[in-house]
C-alpha atoms as a PDB file:
ATOM      1  CA  MET A   1     -14.856 -25.149  -2.097  1.00  0.00           C
ATOM      2  CA  PRO A   2     -14.205 -21.362  -0.384  1.00  0.00           C
ATOM      3  CA  GLU A   3     -17.279 -20.805   0.981  1.00  0.00           C
ATOM      4  CA  LEU A   4     -19.080 -17.622   2.428  1.00  0.00           C
ATOM      5  CA  PRO A   5     -16.452 -16.730   5.118  1.00  0.00           C
ATOM      6  CA  GLU A   6     -13.391 -17.295   2.784  1.00  0.00           C
ATOM      7  CA  VAL A   7     -15.304 -15.511  -0.269  1.00  0.00           C
ATOM      8  CA  GLU A   8     -15.876 -12.535   1.610  1.00  0.00           C
ATOM      9  CA  THR A   9     -12.756 -12.114   3.222  1.00  0.00           C
ATOM     10  CA  VAL A  10     -10.961 -12.335   0.029  1.00  0.00           C
ATOM     11  CA  ARG A  11     -13.776  -9.503  -0.907  1.00  0.00           C
ATOM     12  CA  ALA A  12     -13.541  -7.944   1.419  1.00  0.00           C
ATOM     13  CA  GLY A  13      -8.771  -7.554   0.672  1.00  0.00           C
ATOM     14  CA  LEU A  14      -9.441  -6.328  -2.717  1.00  0.00           C
ATOM     15  CA  GLU A  15     -12.010  -3.658  -1.586  1.00  0.00           C
ATOM     16  CA  ARG A  16      -9.155  -2.141   0.556  1.00  0.00           C
ATOM     17  CA  TRP A  17      -6.409  -2.939  -2.351  1.00  0.00           C
ATOM     18  CA  ILE A  18      -7.831  -1.921  -5.962  1.00  0.00           C
ATOM     19  CA  VAL A  19     -11.618  -0.056  -6.167  1.00  0.00           C
ATOM     20  CA  GLY A  20     -10.612   3.099  -7.707  1.00  0.00           C
ATOM     21  CA  ARG A  21      -7.553   2.231  -9.290  1.00  0.00           C
ATOM     22  CA  THR A  22      -7.433   2.099 -13.389  1.00  0.00           C
ATOM     23  CA  ILE A  23      -6.381  -1.353 -15.305  1.00  0.00           C
ATOM     24  CA  GLU A  24      -4.118  -0.570 -17.009  1.00  0.00           C
ATOM     25  CA  SER A  25      -3.697  -3.800 -19.092  1.00  0.00           C
ATOM     26  CA  VAL A  26      -4.604  -7.764 -18.397  1.00  0.00           C
ATOM     27  CA  GLU A  27      -2.677 -10.944 -19.234  1.00  0.00           C
ATOM     28  CA  VAL A  28      -4.107 -14.289 -19.845  1.00  0.00           C
ATOM     29  CA  SER A  29      -1.122 -17.032 -19.559  1.00  0.00           C
ATOM     30  CA  HIS A  30      -3.930 -19.868 -19.948  1.00  0.00           C
ATOM     31  CA  PRO A  31      -7.448 -20.029 -21.409  1.00  0.00           C
ATOM     32  CA  ARG A  32      -8.697 -22.028 -18.694  1.00  0.00           C
ATOM     33  CA  ALA A  33      -8.759 -19.248 -16.564  1.00  0.00           C
ATOM     34  CA  VAL A  34     -11.788 -17.259 -19.187  1.00  0.00           C
ATOM     35  CA  ARG A  35     -13.237 -20.175 -20.531  1.00  0.00           C
ATOM     36  CA  ARG A  36     -16.527 -18.804 -19.285  1.00  0.00           C
ATOM     37  CA  HIS A  37     -16.349 -15.659 -21.043  1.00  0.00           C
ATOM     38  CA  LEU A  38     -16.872 -17.219 -24.679  1.00  0.00           C
ATOM     39  CA  PRO A  39     -15.430 -14.514 -26.893  1.00  0.00           C
ATOM     40  CA  GLY A  40     -11.847 -15.294 -25.270  1.00  0.00           C
ATOM     41  CA  ALA A  41      -9.087 -14.182 -23.506  1.00  0.00           C
ATOM     42  CA  VAL A  42      -8.032 -11.448 -26.175  1.00  0.00           C
ATOM     43  CA  ASP A  43     -11.736  -9.530 -26.125  1.00  0.00           C
ATOM     44  CA  PHE A  44     -11.479 -10.153 -22.327  1.00  0.00           C
ATOM     45  CA  SER A  45      -7.902  -8.398 -21.861  1.00  0.00           C
ATOM     46  CA  SER A  46      -9.268  -5.302 -24.451  1.00  0.00           C
ATOM     47  CA  ARG A  47     -12.366  -5.010 -22.667  1.00  0.00           C
ATOM     48  CA  LEU A  48     -10.761  -4.220 -18.915  1.00  0.00           C
ATOM     49  CA  ALA A  49      -7.437  -1.895 -20.262  1.00  0.00           C
ATOM     50  CA  GLY A  50      -8.639   1.646 -18.870  1.00  0.00           C
ATOM     51  CA  ARG A  51     -11.840   0.655 -16.909  1.00  0.00           C
ATOM     52  CA  THR A  52     -11.580   1.548 -12.939  1.00  0.00           C
ATOM     53  CA  VAL A  53     -12.822  -0.827 -10.396  1.00  0.00           C
ATOM     54  CA  ALA A  54     -15.611   1.311  -8.613  1.00  0.00           C
ATOM     55  CA  ARG A  55     -16.654  -1.610  -6.322  1.00  0.00           C
ATOM     56  CA  VAL A  56     -16.103  -5.256  -5.098  1.00  0.00           C
ATOM     57  CA  ARG A  57     -19.540  -7.162  -4.273  1.00  0.00           C
ATOM     58  CA  ARG A  58     -20.212 -10.377  -3.238  1.00  0.00           C
ATOM     59  CA  ARG A  59     -23.662 -13.012  -3.629  1.00  0.00           C
ATOM     60  CA  GLY A  60     -23.260 -16.092  -1.594  1.00  0.00           C
ATOM     61  CA  LYS A  61     -19.746 -17.789  -3.047  1.00  0.00           C
ATOM     62  CA  TYR A  62     -19.008 -15.758  -6.010  1.00  0.00           C
ATOM     63  CA  LEU A  63     -17.392 -12.009  -6.409  1.00  0.00           C
ATOM     64  CA  TRP A  64     -17.651  -9.245  -8.657  1.00  0.00           C
ATOM     65  CA  LEU A  65     -15.696  -6.251  -9.242  1.00  0.00           C
ATOM     66  CA  GLU A  66     -17.924  -3.337 -10.340  1.00  0.00           C
ATOM     67  CA  LEU A  67     -16.447  -1.032 -13.482  1.00  0.00           C
ATOM     68  CA  ALA A  68     -17.079   2.963 -13.008  1.00  0.00           C
ATOM     69  CA  ASP A  69     -19.556   4.195 -15.610  1.00  0.00           C
ATOM     70  CA  SER A  70     -20.629   0.504 -17.096  1.00  0.00           C
ATOM     71  CA  ASP A  71     -23.051  -1.460 -16.284  1.00  0.00           C
ATOM     72  CA  LEU A  72     -19.909  -4.455 -17.031  1.00  0.00           C
ATOM     73  CA  CYS A  73     -18.626  -5.913 -14.809  1.00  0.00           C
ATOM     74  CA  VAL A  74     -16.044  -9.023 -13.403  1.00  0.00           C
ATOM     75  CA  VAL A  75     -17.453 -12.141 -12.142  1.00  0.00           C
ATOM     76  CA  GLY A  76     -14.849 -14.553  -9.886  1.00  0.00           C
ATOM     77  CA  HIS A  77     -15.757 -17.771  -9.302  1.00  0.00           C
ATOM     78  CA  LEU A  78     -12.231 -19.650  -6.972  1.00  0.00           C
ATOM     79  CA  GLY A  79     -13.681 -23.304  -6.977  1.00  0.00           C
ATOM     80  CA  MET A  80     -11.413 -25.713  -5.391  1.00  0.00           C
ATOM     81  CA  SER A  81      -8.248 -23.638  -5.523  1.00  0.00           C
ATOM     82  CA  GLY A  82      -8.369 -19.815  -6.930  1.00  0.00           C
ATOM     83  CA  GLN A  83      -6.424 -17.571  -5.264  1.00  0.00           C
ATOM     84  CA  LEU A  84      -7.102 -14.121  -6.054  1.00  0.00           C
ATOM     85  CA  LEU A  85      -3.656 -12.019  -4.370  1.00  0.00           C
ATOM     86  CA  ILE A  86      -1.943  -8.398  -4.612  1.00  0.00           C
ATOM     87  CA  GLN A  87       1.344  -8.918  -5.030  1.00  0.00           C
ATOM     88  CA  PRO A  88       3.648  -6.346  -5.968  1.00  0.00           C
ATOM     89  CA  PRO A  89       5.258  -6.319  -9.332  1.00  0.00           C
ATOM     90  CA  GLU A  90       8.786  -7.653  -8.271  1.00  0.00           C
ATOM     91  CA  ALA A  91       7.250 -10.648  -6.746  1.00  0.00           C
ATOM     92  CA  PRO A  92       8.196 -13.770  -8.409  1.00  0.00           C
ATOM     93  CA  ASP A  93       5.390 -15.360 -10.792  1.00  0.00           C
ATOM     94  CA  GLU A  94       3.198 -17.790  -8.993  1.00  0.00           C
ATOM     95  CA  ARG A  95       3.479 -21.765 -10.310  1.00  0.00           C
ATOM     96  CA  HIS A  96       0.089 -21.563 -10.867  1.00  0.00           C
ATOM     97  CA  LEU A  97      -0.705 -18.187 -12.251  1.00  0.00           C
ATOM     98  CA  HIS A  98      -3.009 -17.553 -14.965  1.00  0.00           C
ATOM     99  CA  VAL A  99      -4.425 -14.020 -14.960  1.00  0.00           C
ATOM    100  CA  ARG A 100      -2.275 -10.989 -13.963  1.00  0.00           C
ATOM    101  CA  VAL A 101      -4.137  -7.291 -13.742  1.00  0.00           C
ATOM    102  CA  ARG A 102      -1.483  -4.474 -14.005  1.00  0.00           C
ATOM    103  CA  PHE A 103      -2.938  -0.908 -12.632  1.00  0.00           C
ATOM    104  CA  THR A 104      -1.819   2.352 -14.366  1.00  0.00           C
ATOM    105  CA  ASP A 105      -0.384   3.338 -11.476  1.00  0.00           C
ATOM    106  CA  SER A 106       2.469   0.584 -11.249  1.00  0.00           C
ATOM    107  CA  GLY A 107       1.867  -0.912  -7.798  1.00  0.00           C
ATOM    108  CA  SER A 108       0.706  -3.671  -6.727  1.00  0.00           C
ATOM    109  CA  GLN A 109      -1.081  -6.283  -9.492  1.00  0.00           C
ATOM    110  CA  LEU A 110      -4.156  -8.635  -8.782  1.00  0.00           C
ATOM    111  CA  ARG A 111      -2.970 -11.942  -9.642  1.00  0.00           C
ATOM    112  CA  PHE A 112      -5.586 -15.303 -10.424  1.00  0.00           C
ATOM    113  CA  VAL A 113      -3.739 -18.319  -9.594  1.00  0.00           C
ATOM    114  CA  ASP A 114      -5.338 -21.579  -9.928  1.00  0.00           C
ATOM    115  CA  GLN A 115      -3.911 -25.301  -9.056  1.00  0.00           C
ATOM    116  CA  ARG A 116      -6.451 -27.275 -10.460  1.00  0.00           C
ATOM    117  CA  THR A 117      -8.620 -24.562 -12.560  1.00  0.00           C
ATOM    118  CA  PHE A 118     -11.594 -25.040 -11.858  1.00  0.00           C
ATOM    119  CA  GLY A 119     -12.197 -21.264 -10.874  1.00  0.00           C
ATOM    120  CA  GLY A 120     -12.737 -19.041 -13.292  1.00  0.00           C
ATOM    121  CA  LEU A 121     -12.932 -15.105 -14.751  1.00  0.00           C
ATOM    122  CA  MET A 122     -15.668 -13.835 -17.087  1.00  0.00           C
ATOM    123  CA  LEU A 123     -17.390 -10.347 -17.487  1.00  0.00           C
ATOM    124  CA  ASP A 124     -20.750  -9.674 -17.575  1.00  0.00           C
ATOM    125  CA  GLU A 125     -23.784  -7.316 -17.253  1.00  0.00           C
ATOM    126  CA  LEU A 126     -25.651  -6.469 -14.208  1.00  0.00           C
ATOM    127  CA  ARG A 127     -29.027  -7.000 -14.345  1.00  0.00           C
ATOM    128  CA  PRO A 128     -31.645  -6.688 -11.773  1.00  0.00           C
ATOM    129  CA  ALA A 129     -32.045  -9.575  -8.975  1.00  0.00           C
ATOM    130  CA  VAL A 130     -34.354 -12.156  -9.024  1.00  0.00           C
ATOM    131  CA  ASP A 131     -35.646 -10.965  -5.627  1.00  0.00           C
ATOM    132  CA  LEU A 132     -35.330  -7.747  -6.399  1.00  0.00           C
ATOM    133  CA  ALA A 133     -34.870  -4.948  -3.457  1.00  0.00           C
ATOM    134  CA  GLY A 134     -33.214  -2.309  -6.077  1.00  0.00           C
ATOM    135  CA  ASP A 135     -30.407  -5.080  -6.331  1.00  0.00           C
ATOM    136  CA  THR A 136     -28.695  -5.305  -9.395  1.00  0.00           C
ATOM    137  CA  VAL A 137     -26.105  -8.761  -9.775  1.00  0.00           C
ATOM    138  CA  PRO A 138     -24.329 -10.165 -12.918  1.00  0.00           C
ATOM    139  CA  GLY A 139     -26.825 -11.964 -14.744  1.00  0.00           C
ATOM    140  CA  GLN A 140     -25.209 -14.857 -14.893  1.00  0.00           C
ATOM    141  CA  ILE A 141     -25.659 -15.282 -11.455  1.00  0.00           C
ATOM    142  CA  SER A 142     -29.009 -13.513 -11.131  1.00  0.00           C
ATOM    143  CA  HIS A 143     -30.804 -17.360  -9.835  1.00  0.00           C
ATOM    144  CA  ILE A 144     -28.380 -16.837  -6.490  1.00  0.00           C
ATOM    145  CA  ALA A 145     -30.417 -16.059  -3.438  1.00  0.00           C
ATOM    146  CA  ARG A 146     -29.367 -13.908  -0.866  1.00  0.00           C
ATOM    147  CA  ASP A 147     -27.213 -15.021   1.590  1.00  0.00           C
ATOM    148  CA  PRO A 148     -27.522 -15.600   5.993  1.00  0.00           C
ATOM    149  CA  LEU A 149     -25.566 -11.968   5.907  1.00  0.00           C
ATOM    150  CA  ASP A 150     -27.391 -10.388   3.678  1.00  0.00           C
ATOM    151  CA  PRO A 151     -29.590  -7.181   5.609  1.00  0.00           C
ATOM    152  CA  ALA A 152     -32.599  -7.898   2.826  1.00  0.00           C
ATOM    153  CA  LEU A 153     -32.809 -11.431   3.453  1.00  0.00           C
ATOM    154  CA  ASP A 154     -36.480 -11.580   4.049  1.00  0.00           C
ATOM    155  CA  GLU A 155     -36.891 -13.941   6.460  1.00  0.00           C
ATOM    156  CA  ALA A 156     -40.336 -15.178   6.096  1.00  0.00           C
ATOM    157  CA  ALA A 157     -40.257 -16.015   2.585  1.00  0.00           C
ATOM    158  CA  LEU A 158     -36.937 -18.457   3.085  1.00  0.00           C
ATOM    159  CA  ARG A 159     -38.715 -19.498   5.741  1.00  0.00           C
ATOM    160  CA  ARG A 160     -42.143 -20.859   3.596  1.00  0.00           C
ATOM    161  CA  ARG A 161     -39.746 -21.784   0.914  1.00  0.00           C
ATOM    162  CA  MET A 162     -38.038 -23.796   2.854  1.00  0.00           C
ATOM    163  CA  ARG A 163     -40.914 -25.366   4.593  1.00  0.00           C
ATOM    164  CA  ALA A 164     -43.144 -25.923   1.158  1.00  0.00           C
ATOM    165  CA  ARG A 165     -39.875 -28.092  -0.669  1.00  0.00           C
ATOM    166  CA  SER A 166     -39.875 -30.916   2.143  1.00  0.00           C
ATOM    167  CA  SER A 167     -36.767 -32.035   1.539  1.00  0.00           C
ATOM    168  CA  ALA A 168     -33.838 -33.090   4.242  1.00  0.00           C
ATOM    169  CA  ILE A 169     -32.880 -29.343   6.113  1.00  0.00           C
ATOM    170  CA  LYS A 170     -28.714 -29.932   4.797  1.00  0.00           C
ATOM    171  CA  ARG A 171     -30.063 -30.447   1.622  1.00  0.00           C
ATOM    172  CA  THR A 172     -31.814 -27.371   1.702  1.00  0.00           C
ATOM    173  CA  LEU A 173     -29.311 -25.123   3.256  1.00  0.00           C
ATOM    174  CA  LEU A 174     -26.869 -25.865   0.082  1.00  0.00           C
ATOM    175  CA  ASP A 175     -28.855 -25.546  -2.379  1.00  0.00           C
ATOM    176  CA  GLN A 176     -27.826 -21.763  -3.502  1.00  0.00           C
ATOM    177  CA  SER A 177     -31.355 -20.808  -5.021  1.00  0.00           C
ATOM    178  CA  ILE A 178     -32.706 -21.338  -1.609  1.00  0.00           C
ATOM    179  CA  LEU A 179     -29.702 -19.328   0.445  1.00  0.00           C
ATOM    180  CA  SER A 180     -26.562 -18.883  -0.594  1.00  0.00           C
ATOM    181  CA  GLY A 181     -23.562 -19.161   0.759  1.00  0.00           C
ATOM    182  CA  VAL A 182     -23.209 -22.126   2.951  1.00  0.00           C
ATOM    183  CA  GLY A 183     -21.318 -24.798   1.996  1.00  0.00           C
ATOM    184  CA  ASN A 184     -20.680 -28.464   3.905  1.00  0.00           C
ATOM    185  CA  ILE A 185     -18.151 -27.379   6.194  1.00  0.00           C
ATOM    186  CA  TYR A 186     -20.848 -24.555   7.428  1.00  0.00           C
ATOM    187  CA  ALA A 187     -24.547 -26.387   6.862  1.00  0.00           C
ATOM    188  CA  ASP A 188     -22.602 -29.155   9.736  1.00  0.00           C
ATOM    189  CA  GLU A 189     -21.754 -26.518  11.884  1.00  0.00           C
ATOM    190  CA  SER A 190     -24.704 -24.610  12.311  1.00  0.00           C
ATOM    191  CA  LEU A 191     -27.051 -27.902  12.548  1.00  0.00           C
ATOM    192  CA  TRP A 192     -24.505 -29.449  15.268  1.00  0.00           C
ATOM    193  CA  ARG A 193     -25.225 -26.129  17.324  1.00  0.00           C
ATOM    194  CA  SER A 194     -28.986 -25.925  16.611  1.00  0.00           C
ATOM    195  CA  ARG A 195     -29.018 -29.914  17.551  1.00  0.00           C
ATOM    196  CA  LEU A 196     -30.829 -30.887  13.887  1.00  0.00           C
ATOM    197  CA  HIS A 197     -30.007 -34.219  11.860  1.00  0.00           C
ATOM    198  CA  PRO A 198     -28.573 -33.206   8.878  1.00  0.00           C
ATOM    199  CA  GLU A 199     -32.112 -35.919   7.150  1.00  0.00           C
ATOM    200  CA  GLN A 200     -34.165 -33.781   9.229  1.00  0.00           C
ATOM    201  CA  LEU A 201     -37.176 -32.531   6.945  1.00  0.00           C
ATOM    202  CA  THR A 202     -37.428 -28.487   6.010  1.00  0.00           C
ATOM    203  CA  SER A 203     -41.636 -29.184   6.276  1.00  0.00           C
ATOM    204  CA  ARG A 204     -41.714 -30.068  10.114  1.00  0.00           C
ATOM    205  CA  LEU A 205     -39.262 -27.299  11.159  1.00  0.00           C
ATOM    206  CA  ASN A 206     -41.342 -24.786  13.872  1.00  0.00           C
ATOM    207  CA  ALA A 207     -40.774 -21.595  13.757  1.00  0.00           C
ATOM    208  CA  PRO A 208     -38.570 -21.458  16.737  1.00  0.00           C
ATOM    209  CA  GLN A 209     -36.633 -24.477  15.573  1.00  0.00           C
ATOM    210  CA  PHE A 210     -36.107 -22.019  12.091  1.00  0.00           C
ATOM    211  CA  GLN A 211     -35.454 -18.601  13.993  1.00  0.00           C
ATOM    212  CA  ARG A 212     -32.578 -20.585  15.831  1.00  0.00           C
ATOM    213  CA  LEU A 213     -31.190 -22.546  12.697  1.00  0.00           C
ATOM    214  CA  LEU A 214     -30.914 -19.131  11.044  1.00  0.00           C
ATOM    215  CA  SER A 215     -29.338 -17.397  14.153  1.00  0.00           C
ATOM    216  CA  ASP A 216     -26.837 -20.330  14.104  1.00  0.00           C
ATOM    217  CA  VAL A 217     -26.280 -20.457  10.099  1.00  0.00           C
ATOM    218  CA  ARG A 218     -25.204 -16.605  10.975  1.00  0.00           C
ATOM    219  CA  ASP A 219     -23.253 -17.029  14.384  1.00  0.00           C
ATOM    220  CA  VAL A 220     -20.967 -19.571  12.283  1.00  0.00           C
ATOM    221  CA  LEU A 221     -20.301 -17.882   9.500  1.00  0.00           C
ATOM    222  CA  ASN A 222     -19.394 -14.870  11.595  1.00  0.00           C
ATOM    223  CA  GLU A 223     -17.316 -16.310  13.456  1.00  0.00           C
ATOM    224  CA  SER A 224     -15.568 -17.897  10.579  1.00  0.00           C
ATOM    225  CA  LEU A 225     -15.182 -14.566   9.362  1.00  0.00           C
ATOM    226  CA  VAL A 226     -13.475 -13.548  12.143  1.00  0.00           C
ATOM    227  CA  ALA A 227     -11.179 -16.131  12.027  1.00  0.00           C
ATOM    228  CA  GLY A 228     -10.108 -15.031   8.447  1.00  0.00           C
ATOM    229  CA  GLY A 229     -12.133 -19.068   7.332  1.00  0.00           C
ATOM    230  CA  THR A 230     -11.372 -22.230   7.092  1.00  0.00           C
ATOM    231  CA  SER A 231      -8.370 -23.614   5.587  1.00  0.00           C
ATOM    232  CA  PHE A 232      -7.153 -27.219   5.583  1.00  0.00           C
ATOM    233  CA  ASP A 233      -4.309 -26.766   3.185  1.00  0.00           C
ATOM    234  CA  SER A 234      -2.060 -23.847   1.415  1.00  0.00           C
ATOM    235  CA  LEU A 235      -4.963 -23.757  -1.586  1.00  0.00           C
ATOM    236  CA  TYR A 236      -7.425 -21.191   0.689  1.00  0.00           C
ATOM    237  CA  VAL A 237      -5.922 -17.955   1.277  1.00  0.00           C
ATOM    238  CA  ASN A 238      -6.398 -14.497   1.310  1.00  0.00           C
ATOM    239  CA  VAL A 239      -5.439 -11.588  -1.226  1.00  0.00           C
ATOM    240  CA  ASN A 240      -2.312 -11.392   0.978  1.00  0.00           C
ATOM    241  CA  GLY A 241      -1.811 -15.493   0.829  1.00  0.00           C
ATOM    242  CA  GLU A 242      -2.724 -16.017   4.933  1.00  0.00           C
ATOM    243  CA  SER A 243      -4.914 -19.005   5.982  1.00  0.00           C
ATOM    244  CA  GLY A 244      -7.662 -18.461   7.999  1.00  0.00           C
ATOM    245  CA  TYR A 245      -8.136 -20.528  11.212  1.00  0.00           C
ATOM    246  CA  PHE A 246     -11.528 -21.245  12.150  1.00  0.00           C
ATOM    247  CA  ASP A 247     -10.717 -24.576  11.259  1.00  0.00           C
ATOM    248  CA  ARG A 248      -9.303 -24.878  14.695  1.00  0.00           C
ATOM    249  CA  THR A 249     -12.423 -24.481  16.262  1.00  0.00           C
ATOM    250  CA  LEU A 250     -14.713 -26.890  14.313  1.00  0.00           C
ATOM    251  CA  ASN A 251     -17.610 -28.582  16.890  1.00  0.00           C
ATOM    252  CA  ALA A 252     -18.552 -31.289  13.703  1.00  0.00           C
ATOM    253  CA  TYR A 253     -17.390 -31.448  10.557  1.00  0.00           C
ATOM    254  CA  GLY A 254     -13.945 -33.536   9.864  1.00  0.00           C
ATOM    255  CA  ARG A 255     -14.464 -35.091  13.459  1.00  0.00           C
ATOM    256  CA  GLU A 256     -15.123 -38.538  12.860  1.00  0.00           C
ATOM    257  CA  ASP A 257     -14.940 -40.834  16.041  1.00  0.00           C
ATOM    258  CA  GLU A 258     -14.170 -37.434  18.446  1.00  0.00           C
ATOM    259  CA  PRO A 259     -15.994 -37.017  21.250  1.00  0.00           C
ATOM    260  CA  CYS A 260     -18.550 -33.790  20.447  1.00  0.00           C
ATOM    261  CA  ARG A 261     -17.737 -31.159  22.427  1.00  0.00           C
ATOM    262  CA  ARG A 262     -21.327 -31.158  24.322  1.00  0.00           C
ATOM    263  CA  CYS A 263     -22.057 -35.129  24.854  1.00  0.00           C
ATOM    264  CA  GLY A 264     -18.603 -36.683  24.536  1.00  0.00           C
ATOM    265  CA  THR A 265     -20.984 -39.364  22.194  1.00  0.00           C
ATOM    266  CA  ALA A 266     -18.807 -40.083  18.992  1.00  0.00           C
ATOM    267  CA  ILE A 267     -19.249 -37.804  15.823  1.00  0.00           C
ATOM    268  CA  ARG A 268     -20.183 -40.372  13.097  1.00  0.00           C
ATOM    269  CA  ARG A 269     -19.813 -39.495   9.184  1.00  0.00           C
ATOM    270  CA  VAL A 270     -21.871 -40.478   6.758  1.00  0.00           C
ATOM    271  CA  SER A 271     -21.951 -40.784   2.910  1.00  0.00           C
ATOM    272  CA  PHE A 272     -23.961 -37.737   1.418  1.00  0.00           C
ATOM    273  CA  MET A 273     -24.624 -35.866  -2.375  1.00  0.00           C
ATOM    274  CA  ASN A 274     -20.949 -37.419  -3.323  1.00  0.00           C
ATOM    275  CA  ARG A 275     -18.994 -36.260   0.307  1.00  0.00           C
ATOM    276  CA  SER A 276     -19.417 -36.089   3.959  1.00  0.00           C
ATOM    277  CA  SER A 277     -21.731 -35.480   6.408  1.00  0.00           C
ATOM    278  CA  PHE A 278     -21.006 -35.219   9.998  1.00  0.00           C
ATOM    279  CA  PHE A 279     -22.882 -34.931  13.695  1.00  0.00           C
ATOM    280  CA  CYS A 280     -23.669 -36.064  16.883  1.00  0.00           C
ATOM    281  CA  PRO A 281     -26.025 -39.167  17.159  1.00  0.00           C
ATOM    282  CA  ALA A 282     -26.914 -38.303  20.417  1.00  0.00           C
ATOM    283  CA  CYS A 283     -27.537 -34.250  20.285  1.00  0.00           C
ATOM    284  CA  GLN A 284     -28.745 -34.781  16.586  1.00  0.00           C
ATOM    285  CA  ARG A 285     -31.272 -37.635  16.497  1.00  0.00           C
ATOM    286  CA  THR A 286     -32.657 -39.326  13.647  1.00  0.00           C
ATOM    287  CA  PRO A 287     -35.638 -37.359  12.808  1.00  0.00           C
ATOM    288  CA  ARG A 288     -39.104 -39.269  12.621  1.00  0.00           C
ATOM    289  CA  ARG A 289     -40.765 -40.056   9.633  1.00  0.00           C
ATOM    290  CA  VAL A 290     -44.367 -38.341  10.246  1.00  0.00           C
ATOM    291  CA  PRO A 291     -46.329 -37.105   7.254  1.00  0.00           C
ATOM    292  CA  GLY A 292     -47.761 -33.775   7.027  1.00  0.00           C
ATOM    293  CA  PRO A 293     -46.505 -29.987   8.444  1.00  0.00           C
ATOM    294  CA  ALA A 294     -45.591 -28.983  11.394  1.00  0.00           C
ATOM    295  CA  ARG A 295     -47.325 -26.302  13.553  1.00  0.00           C
ATOM    296  CA  GLY A 296     -45.873 -23.344  14.928  1.00  0.00           C
END
């Protein structure tokens, strides 16, 4: 599933191509693409006609189009295989094209393509974010926390929440209500850099470990952004249909039995929350289960 770098890459592409343009019509050819918009496809299309795209924003793995002179927005979630593509009108229809947005300038179209149909689009209203700071987000994702690259992220509050949970650090990194945008790939990569085992308890993280982990998470996400995200197959692409290439530099994820780039020990894979964790057993030692919080 696309994580922060992949969704941010798509957001930036959409911002370049559709902000300031007015929607002429919306064609929904597969009802599952707008299943989260409960009034249905006809309502979805009719309410967007004549609206102008003012901004394209993102929080965690969700992105949304803010519409001018309105609290209405279009929320998009890519799911496992969703693609938001910018295509010239004469381009052939994609095999799994489910939503087509035409603009009044008759220029490039916005197309939502989704092979596995886990993603989708919906209309929602902007509401004050739970974490406030004067921000507004779609109501459906108001529970989603800020992400590591958000300038308004409260680091002190994040550390307090993590220490109070006494949960495995990887489980906490994947909890979008604590810190958004980090999925399985980037959690493994960040923990490898910080030399932390995925089962390390958050209550045992001292201040230097917390700061190093947050710094490593940010570095991993930023490096992936430069590379256009991570693509293991053709399902994730940017708005121009291009794949990211961060997978070429992964240090832990997907490298079972390959030598650790730091010490040479074979990378190990274990089952974790119906997926896999990859780590170096030498660099990321299994933590001792010692009761009580750490100092520092």
